[in-house]
């Protein structure tokens, strides 16, 4: 199973979207500053998570939401 996720940084007032196999490990890496794109927004908080069956499905969902914008996607969920 693959996870697609959206993180939020209160410091930057921004969202980050990504996909991975082990979400707990990946979130820890983000919050340790080990990711180039998220190291300046510490701490990151998990806002949304979806489980999908394949990597390609996770990447398609990630690209779709990145094009649309995470904030807009999240507002449409509510």
C-alpha atoms as a PDB file:
ATOM      1  CA  UNK A   1       0.000   0.000   0.000  1.00  0.00           C
ATOM      2  CA  UNK A   2       1.093   3.532  -0.764  1.00  0.00           C
ATOM      3  CA  UNK A   3       0.112   6.661   1.096  1.00  0.00           C
ATOM      4  CA  UNK A   4      -0.639  10.002  -0.453  1.00  0.00           C
ATOM      5  CA  UNK A   5      -0.470  12.759   2.136  1.00  0.00           C
ATOM      6  CA  UNK A   6      -0.819  16.489   2.714  1.00  0.00           C
ATOM      7  CA  UNK A   7       1.233  18.253   5.376  1.00  0.00           C
ATOM      8  CA  UNK A   8       0.727  21.726   6.794  1.00  0.00           C
ATOM      9  CA  UNK A   9       3.312  24.188   8.108  1.00  0.00           C
ATOM     10  CA  UNK A  10       1.940  26.869  10.427  1.00  0.00           C
ATOM     11  CA  UNK A  11       5.281  28.652  10.236  1.00  0.00           C
ATOM     12  CA  UNK A  12       5.106  29.096   6.451  1.00  0.00           C
ATOM     13  CA  UNK A  13       1.306  28.928   6.081  1.00  0.00           C
ATOM     14  CA  UNK A  14       1.835  26.407   3.287  1.00  0.00           C
ATOM     15  CA  UNK A  15       0.947  22.861   2.371  1.00  0.00           C
ATOM     16  CA  UNK A  16       3.169  20.080   1.093  1.00  0.00           C
ATOM     17  CA  UNK A  17       1.899  17.038  -0.787  1.00  0.00           C
ATOM     18  CA  UNK A  18       3.720  13.777  -1.234  1.00  0.00           C
ATOM     19  CA  UNK A  19       3.464  10.017  -1.471  1.00  0.00           C
ATOM     20  CA  UNK A  20       5.413   7.174   0.131  1.00  0.00           C
ATOM     21  CA  UNK A  21       5.245   3.616   1.428  1.00  0.00           C
ATOM     22  CA  UNK A  22       5.987   4.285   5.132  1.00  0.00           C
ATOM     23  CA  UNK A  23       4.218   7.492   6.155  1.00  0.00           C
ATOM     24  CA  UNK A  24       5.386   7.464   9.781  1.00  0.00           C
ATOM     25  CA  UNK A  25       9.020   7.281   8.685  1.00  0.00           C
ATOM     26  CA  UNK A  26       8.517   9.938   6.006  1.00  0.00           C
ATOM     27  CA  UNK A  27       6.807  12.361   8.409  1.00  0.00           C
ATOM     28  CA  UNK A  28       9.706  11.898  10.829  1.00  0.00           C
ATOM     29  CA  UNK A  29      12.157  12.738   8.010  1.00  0.00           C
ATOM     30  CA  UNK A  30      10.195  15.901   7.170  1.00  0.00           C
ATOM     31  CA  UNK A  31      10.205  17.015  10.811  1.00  0.00           C
ATOM     32  CA  UNK A  32      13.926  16.309  11.241  1.00  0.00           C
ATOM     33  CA  UNK A  33      14.726  18.635   8.346  1.00  0.00           C
ATOM     34  CA  UNK A  34      15.943  15.789   6.121  1.00  0.00           C
ATOM     35  CA  UNK A  35      13.830  16.838   3.146  1.00  0.00           C
ATOM     36  CA  UNK A  36      15.120  19.631   0.948  1.00  0.00           C
ATOM     37  CA  UNK A  37      11.676  21.067   0.255  1.00  0.00           C
ATOM     38  CA  UNK A  38      10.287  20.984   3.780  1.00  0.00           C
ATOM     39  CA  UNK A  39      13.242  21.737   6.045  1.00  0.00           C
ATOM     40  CA  UNK A  40      12.333  25.433   6.377  1.00  0.00           C
ATOM     41  CA  UNK A  41       8.740  24.882   7.479  1.00  0.00           C
ATOM     42  CA  UNK A  42       9.278  22.857  10.647  1.00  0.00           C
ATOM     43  CA  UNK A  43       7.238  21.490  12.288  1.00  0.00           C
ATOM     44  CA  UNK A  44       4.950  19.829   9.746  1.00  0.00           C
ATOM     45  CA  UNK A  45       1.600  18.393  10.727  1.00  0.00           C
ATOM     46  CA  UNK A  46      -0.300  15.682   8.873  1.00  0.00           C
ATOM     47  CA  UNK A  47      -3.576  17.103   7.530  1.00  0.00           C
ATOM     48  CA  UNK A  48      -4.826  14.428   5.167  1.00  0.00           C
ATOM     49  CA  UNK A  49      -3.895  10.880   4.193  1.00  0.00           C
ATOM     50  CA  UNK A  50      -5.171   8.474   1.540  1.00  0.00           C
ATOM     51  CA  UNK A  51      -4.181   4.837   1.085  1.00  0.00           C
ATOM     52  CA  UNK A  52      -3.929   3.564  -2.498  1.00  0.00           C
ATOM     53  CA  UNK A  53      -2.897   0.203  -3.904  1.00  0.00           C
ATOM     54  CA  UNK A  54      -0.072   1.227  -6.249  1.00  0.00           C
ATOM     55  CA  UNK A  55       2.696   3.774  -6.596  1.00  0.00           C
ATOM     56  CA  UNK A  56       1.339   4.966  -9.931  1.00  0.00           C
ATOM     57  CA  UNK A  57      -2.064   5.621  -8.367  1.00  0.00           C
ATOM     58  CA  UNK A  58      -0.420   7.597  -5.537  1.00  0.00           C
ATOM     59  CA  UNK A  59       1.606   9.681  -8.006  1.00  0.00           C
ATOM     60  CA  UNK A  60      -1.463  10.406 -10.153  1.00  0.00           C
ATOM     61  CA  UNK A  61      -3.371  11.631  -7.115  1.00  0.00           C
ATOM     62  CA  UNK A  62      -0.378  13.694  -5.990  1.00  0.00           C
ATOM     63  CA  UNK A  63      -0.018  15.380  -9.391  1.00  0.00           C
ATOM     64  CA  UNK A  64      -3.761  16.042  -9.626  1.00  0.00           C
ATOM     65  CA  UNK A  65      -3.802  17.790  -6.254  1.00  0.00           C
ATOM     66  CA  UNK A  66      -0.571  19.694  -6.881  1.00  0.00           C
ATOM     67  CA  UNK A  67      -2.089  21.140 -10.069  1.00  0.00           C
ATOM     68  CA  UNK A  68      -5.264  22.120  -8.270  1.00  0.00           C
ATOM     69  CA  UNK A  69      -3.680  23.263  -5.013  1.00  0.00           C
ATOM     70  CA  UNK A  70      -3.817  21.526  -1.657  1.00  0.00           C
ATOM     71  CA  UNK A  71      -5.820  24.287   0.058  1.00  0.00           C
ATOM     72  CA  UNK A  72      -8.517  24.156  -2.603  1.00  0.00           C
ATOM     73  CA  UNK A  73      -8.600  20.353  -2.497  1.00  0.00           C
ATOM     74  CA  UNK A  74      -9.000  20.376   1.298  1.00  0.00           C
ATOM     75  CA  UNK A  75     -11.763  22.982   1.184  1.00  0.00           C
ATOM     76  CA  UNK A  76     -13.664  20.817  -1.328  1.00  0.00           C
ATOM     77  CA  UNK A  77     -13.481  17.854   1.079  1.00  0.00           C
ATOM     78  CA  UNK A  78     -15.459  19.732   3.704  1.00  0.00           C
END
